[in-house]
Structure formats: structure tokens, C-alpha cells
Amino acid sequence: MSAVKEGESNLVLLSALAANLGIAVAKFIAAGITGSSSMLTEGFHSVVDSVNQILLLYGQKQGRKPPDEAHPFGYGRELYFWSFVVAILIFAVGAGVSIYEGLVHIKEPEPLTSPLINYIVLGVALAMEGGSWFVAMREFAATNRKGSWWGAVRRSKDPAGFIVLFEDSAALAGLVIAGIGIWASHEYNDPRIDGVASIVIGVLLGVVAAFLAREAKGLLIGEGADPEIVARVHAIVDGHPAITSVNHVRTIHTAPTSIFVAISADFRDSLTMGEAETMIEGIETALKQAIPELSSIYIRPEKREDAAILRPTPVEP
């Protein structure tokens, strides 16, 4: 990851972490005073988010370790592992605790107290979460300018950016749900409604966690580079006069901005071994100059009729 992009990603994570730590304390205090189930749920939600941001920062730090004999392509994909852990935490702790707390509050509702403190905390939390969300959205939009917002999320190879964005979006939605639950509990004099709001927040977190786990799984398994990058690689190699055919270009992200590329090409039969070596070195230099994200390049001479063909990518729903 480049120094600029890494700094932007760190800014997003640190902004979210600072907001969540302060908000968590305020939510727990409000929950202790008022006995609100949804406010307690929101407190756990903020704690989980804080832990998640710490894990992502740790993953980024580990991912910067240089390659060694044990990991010749570096440690960049460690960030993908911690992103998957984050998704599991959101589901197991965030969603699980929220739903459990809601069910308990429905079975054993606590007497209603003045909601003023809850409203104050929710207002402050909305302002702080909104600020964190704005920073995350601005940085994500700046680095993903092509196509739709949803498509940008699916194409993104930097989980730190879209995880914080989804966490903050879920946090804002959770605050609105908590506010509605607290208001409805007092309006209809039924504290069980507050428990229902807690369950709704838990379901929301479960949906977000499932989506993030799916995206993190894809990155862990290994996703190819953007089709535009693959096309540029293909064009550069195919443009060399000694290449009669580019059989295939296969890529995999070893980090958000680090790509391994394997190229199969049919060389002109008249090339000598020395000429082929010089040509390959020249192509590698041209590729790295044109596409700095290419961290490792492998070019294999192969007859077109002998090259393996990958099956088409299945269409996802």
C-alpha cells in the first residue's frame, strides 16, 4: 500500500476509533442510569467497533512487513485475515449480544425513567458517528471514482475502507433505531418496545457482518486485479514484436495495492534463449513502469495450443 493511501486509510480508522471510544462510555453511562436495553446494545456496538478498528490497524501494520523466505510475496494479505475476524466479531458479539439483550428486556422489562439523558447521548453520538462516516465516505469515494457505489465496494481490494464505511453506516442506523425504540417505549408506556429495538439492531448488525464476511472471504481466497489492469498488461505484452500471442494473463492481489501477475505467451520460434531472457526483462521493466502495483511478474513461454484455459467466472447474484 502506498504511503499516501496508507495514511488515508489510517486517518479513517483512527477517526472512527476515537469516535467509538468516546461514544461507548457515554452510552454505557446512559444505559446504567436509564436502564435502556437499546442504549446498552448501542454501547456494546461501539465497543465492538472500537476493537474492530484496532484489529484493522494491526492488520495494516503487519501487512507492511517485508517479504521473507517463509512469505516470499509479503504479508499484505494479513489485513484480509483480520478483516474476516472483524466480520465474525460483528456477528458473534455485536449481533449476538444485541439480540440476547433485547430478548432479556422483553421477558423482564425494566421500569421506564426519563429519556432525556438517552436523547442527549444519542444526539452527541449521531454527530460523532456522522463525522466519522463522512471521513470514511469521502476517502472511499476519492479512491473509487469509477462506476456505481455498490460496484466500487465489490471491486475494492482494501477492506479497511469499506468495513469502516459499513460499520459507521450501521452505527448511524442503529442510533436511529435506538431513538425510535426509546421514544416508542415512553409514548406507549411499554418498555418491551425498547427490547424489540435492540433485536432489530442485532439483526441489522448480522446482515452487515454476513456481507463483510463474504467480501473478506473473497479476498482471502484470492481475487484477481481490476479487468482494466489485466487489459493493460495484455496490451503491453502483446505489443512486443517478438510475442506472437498472449495466451492468458492471471493476477492475484497479495495486498490492497500489490499484485502478482503470471503471463503465458507464445514467443517467436526463432528467438534464442539469450534473446528471450533480454526480452522478458524488457517487458517486466515496461510493465512495472506502466503499472506500479505489479509487485511480482512471471512470464512463461508457452505454445498457444498448449495453454490452459480458465473456465468462465460464475455470475454472482
C-alpha atoms as a PDB file:
ATOM      1  CA  MET A   1       0.000   0.000   0.000  1.00  0.00           C
ATOM      2  CA  SER A   2       1.385   3.380  -0.955  1.00  0.00           C
ATOM      3  CA  ALA A   3       2.290   5.835   1.797  1.00  0.00           C
ATOM      4  CA  VAL A   4      -0.476   8.244   0.719  1.00  0.00           C
ATOM      5  CA  LYS A   5      -3.217   5.618   0.591  1.00  0.00           C
ATOM      6  CA  GLU A   6      -1.994   4.038   3.804  1.00  0.00           C
ATOM      7  CA  GLY A   7      -2.146   7.427   5.527  1.00  0.00           C
ATOM      8  CA  GLU A   8      -5.691   7.986   4.258  1.00  0.00           C
ATOM      9  CA  SER A   9      -6.768   4.558   5.484  1.00  0.00           C
ATOM     10  CA  ASN A  10      -5.170   5.169   8.884  1.00  0.00           C
ATOM     11  CA  LEU A  11      -6.991   8.503   9.112  1.00  0.00           C
ATOM     12  CA  VAL A  12     -10.324   6.775   8.536  1.00  0.00           C
ATOM     13  CA  LEU A  13      -9.600   4.085  11.142  1.00  0.00           C
ATOM     14  CA  LEU A  14      -8.254   6.498  13.776  1.00  0.00           C
ATOM     15  CA  SER A  15     -11.190   8.877  13.279  1.00  0.00           C
ATOM     16  CA  ALA A  16     -13.663   6.018  13.741  1.00  0.00           C
ATOM     17  CA  LEU A  17     -11.755   4.636  16.745  1.00  0.00           C
ATOM     18  CA  ALA A  18     -11.705   7.981  18.559  1.00  0.00           C
ATOM     19  CA  ALA A  19     -15.415   8.496  17.952  1.00  0.00           C
ATOM     20  CA  ASN A  20     -16.405   4.995  19.083  1.00  0.00           C
ATOM     21  CA  LEU A  21     -14.388   5.034  22.319  1.00  0.00           C
ATOM     22  CA  GLY A  22     -15.967   8.269  23.476  1.00  0.00           C
ATOM     23  CA  ILE A  23     -19.436   7.229  22.401  1.00  0.00           C
ATOM     24  CA  ALA A  24     -19.183   3.821  24.112  1.00  0.00           C
ATOM     25  CA  VAL A  25     -18.504   5.408  27.503  1.00  0.00           C
ATOM     26  CA  ALA A  26     -21.419   7.813  27.132  1.00  0.00           C
ATOM     27  CA  LYS A  27     -23.801   5.047  26.035  1.00  0.00           C
ATOM     28  CA  PHE A  28     -22.946   2.783  28.967  1.00  0.00           C
ATOM     29  CA  ILE A  29     -23.422   5.640  31.428  1.00  0.00           C
ATOM     30  CA  ALA A  30     -26.803   6.477  29.894  1.00  0.00           C
ATOM     31  CA  ALA A  31     -27.826   2.811  29.897  1.00  0.00           C
ATOM     32  CA  GLY A  32     -26.842   2.459  33.561  1.00  0.00           C
ATOM     33  CA  ILE A  33     -28.886   5.492  34.560  1.00  0.00           C
ATOM     34  CA  THR A  34     -31.990   4.839  32.455  1.00  0.00           C
ATOM     35  CA  GLY A  35     -31.955   1.037  32.125  1.00  0.00           C
ATOM     36  CA  SER A  36     -32.486   1.277  28.350  1.00  0.00           C
ATOM     37  CA  SER A  37     -31.878  -2.019  26.554  1.00  0.00           C
ATOM     38  CA  SER A  38     -31.273  -0.422  23.150  1.00  0.00           C
ATOM     39  CA  MET A  39     -28.827   2.057  24.707  1.00  0.00           C
ATOM     40  CA  LEU A  40     -26.902  -0.810  26.341  1.00  0.00           C
ATOM     41  CA  THR A  41     -26.897  -2.595  22.990  1.00  0.00           C
ATOM     42  CA  GLU A  42     -25.524   0.519  21.336  1.00  0.00           C
ATOM     43  CA  GLY A  43     -22.775   0.623  23.979  1.00  0.00           C
ATOM     44  CA  PHE A  44     -21.688  -2.928  23.099  1.00  0.00           C
ATOM     45  CA  HIS A  45     -21.951  -1.984  19.422  1.00  0.00           C
ATOM     46  CA  SER A  46     -19.459   0.872  19.929  1.00  0.00           C
ATOM     47  CA  VAL A  47     -17.078  -1.367  21.897  1.00  0.00           C
ATOM     48  CA  VAL A  48     -17.116  -3.978  19.119  1.00  0.00           C
ATOM     49  CA  ASP A  49     -16.498  -1.268  16.514  1.00  0.00           C
ATOM     50  CA  SER A  50     -13.545   0.050  18.556  1.00  0.00           C
ATOM     51  CA  VAL A  51     -11.983  -3.411  18.793  1.00  0.00           C
ATOM     52  CA  ASN A  52     -12.534  -3.866  15.063  1.00  0.00           C
ATOM     53  CA  GLN A  53     -10.679  -0.679  14.206  1.00  0.00           C
ATOM     54  CA  ILE A  54      -7.765  -1.718  16.441  1.00  0.00           C
ATOM     55  CA  LEU A  55      -7.607  -5.086  14.657  1.00  0.00           C
ATOM     56  CA  LEU A  56      -7.634  -3.418  11.232  1.00  0.00           C
ATOM     57  CA  LEU A  57      -4.847  -1.044  12.282  1.00  0.00           C
ATOM     58  CA  TYR A  58      -2.889  -4.082  13.499  1.00  0.00           C
ATOM     59  CA  GLY A  59      -3.548  -5.858  10.195  1.00  0.00           C
ATOM     60  CA  GLN A  60      -2.235  -2.856   8.276  1.00  0.00           C
ATOM     61  CA  LYS A  61       0.903  -2.777  10.422  1.00  0.00           C
ATOM     62  CA  GLN A  62       1.554  -6.500   9.918  1.00  0.00           C
ATOM     63  CA  GLY A  63       0.896  -6.163   6.201  1.00  0.00           C
ATOM     64  CA  ARG A  64       3.810  -3.740   5.870  1.00  0.00           C
ATOM     65  CA  LYS A  65       6.356  -6.397   6.877  1.00  0.00           C
ATOM     66  CA  PRO A  66       8.783  -7.093   4.019  1.00  0.00           C
ATOM     67  CA  PRO A  67       8.839 -10.469   2.204  1.00  0.00           C
ATOM     68  CA  ASP A  68      10.982 -13.240   3.666  1.00  0.00           C
ATOM     69  CA  GLU A  69      11.687 -16.909   2.979  1.00  0.00           C
ATOM     70  CA  ALA A  70       8.538 -18.040   4.761  1.00  0.00           C
ATOM     71  CA  HIS A  71       6.339 -15.493   2.933  1.00  0.00           C
ATOM     72  CA  PRO A  72       8.056 -14.614  -0.359  1.00  0.00           C
ATOM     73  CA  PHE A  73       5.118 -12.489  -1.524  1.00  0.00           C
ATOM     74  CA  GLY A  74       4.964 -10.485   1.704  1.00  0.00           C
ATOM     75  CA  TYR A  75       2.403 -10.229   4.497  1.00  0.00           C
ATOM     76  CA  GLY A  76      -0.115  -7.955   2.790  1.00  0.00           C
ATOM     77  CA  ARG A  77      -2.950 -10.479   2.949  1.00  0.00           C
ATOM     78  CA  GLU A  78      -2.780 -10.495   6.748  1.00  0.00           C
ATOM     79  CA  LEU A  79      -5.061  -7.452   6.527  1.00  0.00           C
ATOM     80  CA  TYR A  80      -7.594  -9.695   4.764  1.00  0.00           C
ATOM     81  CA  PHE A  81      -7.418 -12.216   7.599  1.00  0.00           C
ATOM     82  CA  TRP A  82      -8.103  -9.591  10.257  1.00  0.00           C
ATOM     83  CA  SER A  83     -10.928  -8.220   8.134  1.00  0.00           C
ATOM     84  CA  PHE A  84     -12.558 -11.647   8.281  1.00  0.00           C
ATOM     85  CA  VAL A  85     -12.054 -11.729  12.061  1.00  0.00           C
ATOM     86  CA  VAL A  86     -13.747  -8.323  12.259  1.00  0.00           C
ATOM     87  CA  ALA A  87     -16.769  -9.660  10.381  1.00  0.00           C
ATOM     88  CA  ILE A  88     -17.019 -12.613  12.785  1.00  0.00           C
ATOM     89  CA  LEU A  89     -16.785 -10.278  15.788  1.00  0.00           C
ATOM     90  CA  ILE A  90     -19.586  -8.094  14.467  1.00  0.00           C
ATOM     91  CA  PHE A  91     -21.773 -11.160  14.014  1.00  0.00           C
ATOM     92  CA  ALA A  92     -20.893 -13.123  17.160  1.00  0.00           C
ATOM     93  CA  VAL A  93     -20.506 -10.263  19.647  1.00  0.00           C
ATOM     94  CA  GLY A  94     -22.315  -7.279  18.163  1.00  0.00           C
ATOM     95  CA  ALA A  95     -25.356  -9.027  16.734  1.00  0.00           C
ATOM     96  CA  GLY A  96     -25.397 -11.821  19.329  1.00  0.00           C
ATOM     97  CA  VAL A  97     -25.293  -9.555  22.385  1.00  0.00           C
ATOM     98  CA  SER A  98     -27.848  -7.170  20.869  1.00  0.00           C
ATOM     99  CA  ILE A  99     -30.396  -9.895  20.189  1.00  0.00           C
ATOM    100  CA  TYR A 100     -29.803 -11.569  23.569  1.00  0.00           C
ATOM    101  CA  GLU A 101     -30.149  -8.277  25.458  1.00  0.00           C
ATOM    102  CA  GLY A 102     -33.337  -7.488  23.550  1.00  0.00           C
ATOM    103  CA  LEU A 103     -34.908 -10.861  24.406  1.00  0.00           C
ATOM    104  CA  VAL A 104     -33.996 -10.460  28.091  1.00  0.00           C
ATOM    105  CA  HIS A 105     -35.500  -6.969  28.161  1.00  0.00           C
ATOM    106  CA  ILE A 106     -38.717  -8.222  26.582  1.00  0.00           C
ATOM    107  CA  LYS A 107     -39.038 -11.023  29.166  1.00  0.00           C
ATOM    108  CA  GLU A 108     -38.025  -8.825  32.109  1.00  0.00           C
ATOM    109  CA  PRO A 109     -38.772  -5.196  31.164  1.00  0.00           C
ATOM    110  CA  GLU A 110     -37.274  -2.504  33.422  1.00  0.00           C
ATOM    111  CA  PRO A 111     -39.337   0.427  34.707  1.00  0.00           C
ATOM    112  CA  LEU A 112     -39.264   3.492  32.461  1.00  0.00           C
ATOM    113  CA  THR A 113     -37.224   6.526  33.532  1.00  0.00           C
ATOM    114  CA  SER A 114     -36.746   9.940  31.961  1.00  0.00           C
ATOM    115  CA  PRO A 115     -35.393   9.507  28.421  1.00  0.00           C
ATOM    116  CA  LEU A 116     -33.664  12.907  28.393  1.00  0.00           C
ATOM    117  CA  ILE A 117     -30.182  11.518  29.048  1.00  0.00           C
ATOM    118  CA  ASN A 118     -30.656   8.919  26.299  1.00  0.00           C
ATOM    119  CA  TYR A 119     -31.695  11.585  23.820  1.00  0.00           C
ATOM    120  CA  ILE A 120     -28.675  13.745  24.683  1.00  0.00           C
ATOM    121  CA  VAL A 121     -26.278  10.824  24.275  1.00  0.00           C
ATOM    122  CA  LEU A 122     -27.946   9.758  21.020  1.00  0.00           C
ATOM    123  CA  GLY A 123     -27.642  13.297  19.672  1.00  0.00           C
ATOM    124  CA  VAL A 124     -23.946  13.519  20.536  1.00  0.00           C
ATOM    125  CA  ALA A 125     -23.365  10.023  19.149  1.00  0.00           C
ATOM    126  CA  LEU A 126     -25.125  10.921  15.892  1.00  0.00           C
ATOM    127  CA  ALA A 127     -22.854  13.947  15.494  1.00  0.00           C
ATOM    128  CA  MET A 128     -19.663  11.986  16.199  1.00  0.00           C
ATOM    129  CA  GLU A 129     -20.634   8.921  14.159  1.00  0.00           C
ATOM    130  CA  GLY A 130     -21.765  11.215  11.365  1.00  0.00           C
ATOM    131  CA  GLY A 131     -18.349  12.884  11.326  1.00  0.00           C
ATOM    132  CA  SER A 132     -16.588   9.517  11.201  1.00  0.00           C
ATOM    133  CA  TRP A 133     -18.953   8.328   8.462  1.00  0.00           C
ATOM    134  CA  PHE A 134     -18.274  11.475   6.419  1.00  0.00           C
ATOM    135  CA  VAL A 135     -14.499  10.914   6.615  1.00  0.00           C
ATOM    136  CA  ALA A 136     -14.887   7.241   5.619  1.00  0.00           C
ATOM    137  CA  MET A 137     -17.255   8.071   2.737  1.00  0.00           C
ATOM    138  CA  ARG A 138     -15.029  10.886   1.441  1.00  0.00           C
ATOM    139  CA  GLU A 139     -11.895   8.710   1.412  1.00  0.00           C
ATOM    140  CA  PHE A 140     -13.725   5.734  -0.111  1.00  0.00           C
ATOM    141  CA  ALA A 141     -15.244   7.905  -2.859  1.00  0.00           C
ATOM    142  CA  ALA A 142     -11.857   9.514  -3.575  1.00  0.00           C
ATOM    143  CA  THR A 143     -10.210   6.143  -4.213  1.00  0.00           C
ATOM    144  CA  ASN A 144     -13.170   4.557  -6.056  1.00  0.00           C
ATOM    145  CA  ARG A 145     -14.358   7.032  -8.662  1.00  0.00           C
ATOM    146  CA  LYS A 146     -15.420   4.569 -11.349  1.00  0.00           C
ATOM    147  CA  GLY A 147     -18.881   3.075 -11.656  1.00  0.00           C
ATOM    148  CA  SER A 148     -21.563   2.744  -9.018  1.00  0.00           C
ATOM    149  CA  TRP A 149     -21.021   2.950  -5.269  1.00  0.00           C
ATOM    150  CA  TRP A 150     -22.049  -0.699  -4.842  1.00  0.00           C
ATOM    151  CA  GLY A 151     -19.770  -1.786  -7.648  1.00  0.00           C
ATOM    152  CA  ALA A 152     -16.889   0.111  -6.027  1.00  0.00           C
ATOM    153  CA  VAL A 153     -17.418  -1.821  -2.795  1.00  0.00           C
ATOM    154  CA  ARG A 154     -17.399  -5.129  -4.657  1.00  0.00           C
ATOM    155  CA  ARG A 155     -14.244  -4.185  -6.608  1.00  0.00           C
ATOM    156  CA  SER A 156     -12.336  -2.725  -3.658  1.00  0.00           C
ATOM    157  CA  LYS A 157      -9.266  -4.639  -2.512  1.00  0.00           C
ATOM    158  CA  ASP A 158      -8.803  -2.515   0.638  1.00  0.00           C
ATOM    159  CA  PRO A 159     -11.189  -3.925   3.282  1.00  0.00           C
ATOM    160  CA  ALA A 160     -10.269  -1.297   5.890  1.00  0.00           C
ATOM    161  CA  GLY A 161     -12.012   1.401   3.864  1.00  0.00           C
ATOM    162  CA  PHE A 162     -15.320  -0.314   3.194  1.00  0.00           C
ATOM    163  CA  ILE A 163     -15.506  -2.062   6.588  1.00  0.00           C
ATOM    164  CA  VAL A 164     -15.333   1.270   8.446  1.00  0.00           C
ATOM    165  CA  LEU A 165     -17.853   2.712   5.997  1.00  0.00           C
ATOM    166  CA  PHE A 166     -20.323  -0.113   6.620  1.00  0.00           C
ATOM    167  CA  GLU A 167     -19.694  -0.080  10.368  1.00  0.00           C
ATOM    168  CA  ASP A 168     -20.401   3.645  10.546  1.00  0.00           C
ATOM    169  CA  SER A 169     -23.481   3.290   8.355  1.00  0.00           C
ATOM    170  CA  ALA A 170     -24.774   0.509  10.607  1.00  0.00           C
ATOM    171  CA  ALA A 171     -23.945   2.620  13.670  1.00  0.00           C
ATOM    172  CA  LEU A 172     -25.958   5.577  12.358  1.00  0.00           C
ATOM    173  CA  ALA A 173     -28.898   3.308  11.519  1.00  0.00           C
ATOM    174  CA  GLY A 174     -28.624   1.692  14.977  1.00  0.00           C
ATOM    175  CA  LEU A 175     -28.752   5.083  16.689  1.00  0.00           C
ATOM    176  CA  VAL A 176     -31.922   5.977  14.786  1.00  0.00           C
ATOM    177  CA  ILE A 177     -33.490   2.608  15.700  1.00  0.00           C
ATOM    178  CA  ALA A 178     -32.492   3.053  19.356  1.00  0.00           C
ATOM    179  CA  GLY A 179     -34.001   6.546  19.390  1.00  0.00           C
ATOM    180  CA  ILE A 180     -37.256   5.288  17.910  1.00  0.00           C
ATOM    181  CA  GLY A 181     -37.351   2.424  20.408  1.00  0.00           C
ATOM    182  CA  ILE A 182     -36.806   4.725  23.397  1.00  0.00           C
ATOM    183  CA  TRP A 183     -39.410   7.204  22.155  1.00  0.00           C
ATOM    184  CA  ALA A 184     -41.998   4.474  21.426  1.00  0.00           C
ATOM    185  CA  SER A 185     -41.425   2.869  24.843  1.00  0.00           C
ATOM    186  CA  HIS A 186     -42.371   6.099  26.587  1.00  0.00           C
ATOM    187  CA  GLU A 187     -45.077   7.088  24.124  1.00  0.00           C
ATOM    188  CA  TYR A 188     -46.919   3.784  24.579  1.00  0.00           C
ATOM    189  CA  ASN A 189     -45.711   3.161  28.130  1.00  0.00           C
ATOM    190  CA  ASP A 190     -44.330  -0.243  27.184  1.00  0.00           C
ATOM    191  CA  PRO A 191     -40.616  -0.861  27.977  1.00  0.00           C
ATOM    192  CA  ARG A 192     -40.672  -4.051  25.904  1.00  0.00           C
ATOM    193  CA  ILE A 193     -40.560  -1.935  22.738  1.00  0.00           C
ATOM    194  CA  ASP A 194     -37.048  -0.904  23.739  1.00  0.00           C
ATOM    195  CA  GLY A 195     -36.108  -4.595  23.724  1.00  0.00           C
ATOM    196  CA  VAL A 196     -37.584  -5.034  20.262  1.00  0.00           C
ATOM    197  CA  ALA A 197     -35.415  -2.136  19.062  1.00  0.00           C
ATOM    198  CA  SER A 198     -32.375  -3.940  20.453  1.00  0.00           C
ATOM    199  CA  ILE A 199     -33.283  -7.072  18.471  1.00  0.00           C
ATOM    200  CA  VAL A 200     -33.717  -5.024  15.282  1.00  0.00           C
ATOM    201  CA  ILE A 201     -30.248  -3.529  15.816  1.00  0.00           C
ATOM    202  CA  GLY A 202     -28.863  -7.053  16.259  1.00  0.00           C
ATOM    203  CA  VAL A 203     -30.462  -8.232  13.012  1.00  0.00           C
ATOM    204  CA  LEU A 204     -29.021  -5.192  11.220  1.00  0.00           C
ATOM    205  CA  LEU A 205     -25.529  -5.996  12.525  1.00  0.00           C
ATOM    206  CA  GLY A 206     -25.946  -9.628  11.475  1.00  0.00           C
ATOM    207  CA  VAL A 207     -26.761  -8.597   7.890  1.00  0.00           C
ATOM    208  CA  VAL A 208     -23.755  -6.242   7.756  1.00  0.00           C
ATOM    209  CA  ALA A 209     -21.486  -8.933   9.240  1.00  0.00           C
ATOM    210  CA  ALA A 210     -22.639 -11.505   6.665  1.00  0.00           C
ATOM    211  CA  PHE A 211     -21.852  -9.124   3.811  1.00  0.00           C
ATOM    212  CA  LEU A 212     -18.424  -8.198   5.199  1.00  0.00           C
ATOM    213  CA  ALA A 213     -17.575 -11.870   5.797  1.00  0.00           C
ATOM    214  CA  ARG A 214     -18.444 -12.646   2.185  1.00  0.00           C
ATOM    215  CA  GLU A 215     -16.196  -9.857   0.885  1.00  0.00           C
ATOM    216  CA  ALA A 216     -13.339 -10.789   3.242  1.00  0.00           C
ATOM    217  CA  LYS A 217     -13.617 -14.446   2.207  1.00  0.00           C
ATOM    218  CA  GLY A 218     -13.178 -13.498  -1.429  1.00  0.00           C
ATOM    219  CA  LEU A 219     -10.038 -11.501  -0.635  1.00  0.00           C
ATOM    220  CA  LEU A 220      -8.627 -14.331   1.493  1.00  0.00           C
ATOM    221  CA  ILE A 221      -9.189 -16.912  -1.242  1.00  0.00           C
ATOM    222  CA  GLY A 222      -7.524 -14.567  -3.709  1.00  0.00           C
ATOM    223  CA  GLU A 223      -9.149 -12.077  -6.078  1.00  0.00           C
ATOM    224  CA  GLY A 224      -7.791 -11.008  -9.435  1.00  0.00           C
ATOM    225  CA  ALA A 225      -6.873  -7.450 -10.362  1.00  0.00           C
ATOM    226  CA  ASP A 226      -9.259  -4.981 -11.941  1.00  0.00           C
ATOM    227  CA  PRO A 227     -10.076  -6.015 -15.555  1.00  0.00           C
ATOM    228  CA  GLU A 228      -8.625  -2.700 -16.775  1.00  0.00           C
ATOM    229  CA  ILE A 229      -5.247  -3.589 -15.237  1.00  0.00           C
ATOM    230  CA  VAL A 230      -5.374  -7.058 -16.809  1.00  0.00           C
ATOM    231  CA  ALA A 231      -6.191  -5.479 -20.179  1.00  0.00           C
ATOM    232  CA  ARG A 232      -3.226  -3.062 -19.889  1.00  0.00           C
ATOM    233  CA  VAL A 233      -0.862  -5.926 -19.073  1.00  0.00           C
ATOM    234  CA  HIS A 234      -2.212  -7.897 -22.029  1.00  0.00           C
ATOM    235  CA  ALA A 235      -1.782  -4.922 -24.385  1.00  0.00           C
ATOM    236  CA  ILE A 236       1.814  -4.181 -23.283  1.00  0.00           C
ATOM    237  CA  VAL A 237       2.934  -7.801 -23.697  1.00  0.00           C
ATOM    238  CA  ASP A 238       1.012  -8.300 -26.931  1.00  0.00           C
ATOM    239  CA  GLY A 239       2.601  -5.154 -28.361  1.00  0.00           C
ATOM    240  CA  HIS A 240       6.096  -6.632 -28.298  1.00  0.00           C
ATOM    241  CA  PRO A 241       7.158  -7.692 -31.808  1.00  0.00           C
ATOM    242  CA  ALA A 242       8.668 -10.995 -30.618  1.00  0.00           C
ATOM    243  CA  ILE A 243       5.375 -12.105 -28.996  1.00  0.00           C
ATOM    244  CA  THR A 244       3.107 -13.907 -31.451  1.00  0.00           C
ATOM    245  CA  SER A 245       0.267 -14.436 -28.967  1.00  0.00           C
ATOM    246  CA  VAL A 246      -0.643 -13.703 -25.341  1.00  0.00           C
ATOM    247  CA  ASN A 247      -2.323 -16.870 -24.096  1.00  0.00           C
ATOM    248  CA  HIS A 248      -3.514 -15.566 -20.745  1.00  0.00           C
ATOM    249  CA  VAL A 249      -2.846 -13.023 -18.006  1.00  0.00           C
ATOM    250  CA  ARG A 250      -3.608 -14.219 -14.469  1.00  0.00           C
ATOM    251  CA  THR A 251      -3.422 -11.945 -11.460  1.00  0.00           C
ATOM    252  CA  ILE A 252      -3.968 -12.106  -7.717  1.00  0.00           C
ATOM    253  CA  HIS A 253      -3.878  -9.406  -5.063  1.00  0.00           C
ATOM    254  CA  THR A 254      -1.275 -10.108  -2.387  1.00  0.00           C
ATOM    255  CA  ALA A 255      -2.197  -6.806  -0.681  1.00  0.00           C
ATOM    256  CA  PRO A 256      -4.633  -3.968  -1.451  1.00  0.00           C
ATOM    257  CA  THR A 257      -2.147  -2.314  -3.843  1.00  0.00           C
ATOM    258  CA  SER A 258       0.190  -5.234  -4.569  1.00  0.00           C
ATOM    259  CA  ILE A 259      -0.469  -7.599  -7.473  1.00  0.00           C
ATOM    260  CA  PHE A 260       1.205 -10.811  -8.603  1.00  0.00           C
ATOM    261  CA  VAL A 261       0.818 -11.427 -12.332  1.00  0.00           C
ATOM    262  CA  ALA A 262       1.539 -14.621 -14.299  1.00  0.00           C
ATOM    263  CA  ILE A 263       1.649 -14.314 -18.079  1.00  0.00           C
ATOM    264  CA  SER A 264       1.633 -17.118 -20.625  1.00  0.00           C
ATOM    265  CA  ALA A 265       2.816 -16.024 -24.078  1.00  0.00           C
ATOM    266  CA  ASP A 266       3.811 -17.654 -27.332  1.00  0.00           C
ATOM    267  CA  PHE A 267       7.280 -16.424 -28.330  1.00  0.00           C
ATOM    268  CA  ARG A 268       8.573 -16.234 -31.881  1.00  0.00           C
ATOM    269  CA  ASP A 269      10.218 -19.596 -32.626  1.00  0.00           C
ATOM    270  CA  SER A 270      13.398 -18.010 -33.967  1.00  0.00           C
ATOM    271  CA  LEU A 271      14.326 -16.411 -30.622  1.00  0.00           C
ATOM    272  CA  THR A 272      17.445 -17.710 -28.901  1.00  0.00           C
ATOM    273  CA  MET A 273      17.499 -18.315 -25.145  1.00  0.00           C
ATOM    274  CA  GLY A 274      19.581 -15.188 -24.579  1.00  0.00           C
ATOM    275  CA  GLU A 275      17.264 -13.055 -26.707  1.00  0.00           C
ATOM    276  CA  ALA A 276      14.231 -14.399 -24.823  1.00  0.00           C
ATOM    277  CA  GLU A 277      15.792 -13.543 -21.462  1.00  0.00           C
ATOM    278  CA  THR A 278      16.574  -9.997 -22.577  1.00  0.00           C
ATOM    279  CA  MET A 279      13.078  -9.609 -23.995  1.00  0.00           C
ATOM    280  CA  ILE A 280      11.437 -10.814 -20.768  1.00  0.00           C
ATOM    281  CA  GLU A 281      13.490  -8.367 -18.707  1.00  0.00           C
ATOM    282  CA  GLY A 282      12.425  -5.541 -21.013  1.00  0.00           C
ATOM    283  CA  ILE A 283       8.745  -6.499 -20.786  1.00  0.00           C
ATOM    284  CA  GLU A 284       8.932  -6.687 -16.982  1.00  0.00           C
ATOM    285  CA  THR A 285      10.510  -3.231 -16.821  1.00  0.00           C
ATOM    286  CA  ALA A 286       7.823  -1.797 -19.108  1.00  0.00           C
ATOM    287  CA  LEU A 287       5.042  -3.394 -17.038  1.00  0.00           C
ATOM    288  CA  LYS A 288       6.367  -2.076 -13.715  1.00  0.00           C
ATOM    289  CA  GLN A 289       6.759   1.418 -15.147  1.00  0.00           C
ATOM    290  CA  ALA A 290       3.219   1.396 -16.522  1.00  0.00           C
ATOM    291  CA  ILE A 291       1.580  -0.348 -13.539  1.00  0.00           C
ATOM    292  CA  PRO A 292       3.466   0.220 -10.237  1.00  0.00           C
ATOM    293  CA  GLU A 293       1.059  -2.090  -8.374  1.00  0.00           C
ATOM    294  CA  LEU A 294       2.657  -5.113 -10.056  1.00  0.00           C
ATOM    295  CA  SER A 295       4.928  -6.367  -7.276  1.00  0.00           C
ATOM    296  CA  SER A 296       5.818  -9.712  -8.880  1.00  0.00           C
ATOM    297  CA  ILE A 297       5.810 -10.646 -12.570  1.00  0.00           C
ATOM    298  CA  TYR A 298       6.163 -14.137 -14.031  1.00  0.00           C
ATOM    299  CA  ILE A 299       6.316 -14.602 -17.812  1.00  0.00           C
ATOM    300  CA  ARG A 300       6.154 -18.124 -19.179  1.00  0.00           C
ATOM    301  CA  PRO A 301       6.939 -19.050 -22.790  1.00  0.00           C
ATOM    302  CA  GLU A 302       4.196 -21.438 -23.925  1.00  0.00           C
ATOM    303  CA  LYS A 303       2.761 -22.563 -27.229  1.00  0.00           C
ATOM    304  CA  ARG A 304      -0.747 -21.203 -27.751  1.00  0.00           C
ATOM    305  CA  GLU A 305      -2.214 -24.663 -28.345  1.00  0.00           C
ATOM    306  CA  ASP A 306      -0.740 -25.930 -25.045  1.00  0.00           C
ATOM    307  CA  ALA A 307      -2.001 -23.087 -22.839  1.00  0.00           C
ATOM    308  CA  ALA A 308      -4.658 -23.930 -20.265  1.00  0.00           C
ATOM    309  CA  ILE A 309      -7.950 -22.051 -20.457  1.00  0.00           C
ATOM    310  CA  LEU A 310      -9.769 -20.961 -17.303  1.00  0.00           C
ATOM    311  CA  ARG A 311     -13.468 -21.647 -17.006  1.00  0.00           C
ATOM    312  CA  PRO A 312     -15.745 -18.589 -17.049  1.00  0.00           C
ATOM    313  CA  THR A 313     -16.386 -16.783 -13.770  1.00  0.00           C
ATOM    314  CA  PRO A 314     -19.799 -17.810 -12.363  1.00  0.00           C
ATOM    315  CA  VAL A 315     -22.336 -14.991 -12.264  1.00  0.00           C
ATOM    316  CA  GLU A 316     -22.989 -13.925  -8.655  1.00  0.00           C
ATOM    317  CA  PRO A 317     -26.483 -12.957  -7.536  1.00  0.00           C
END
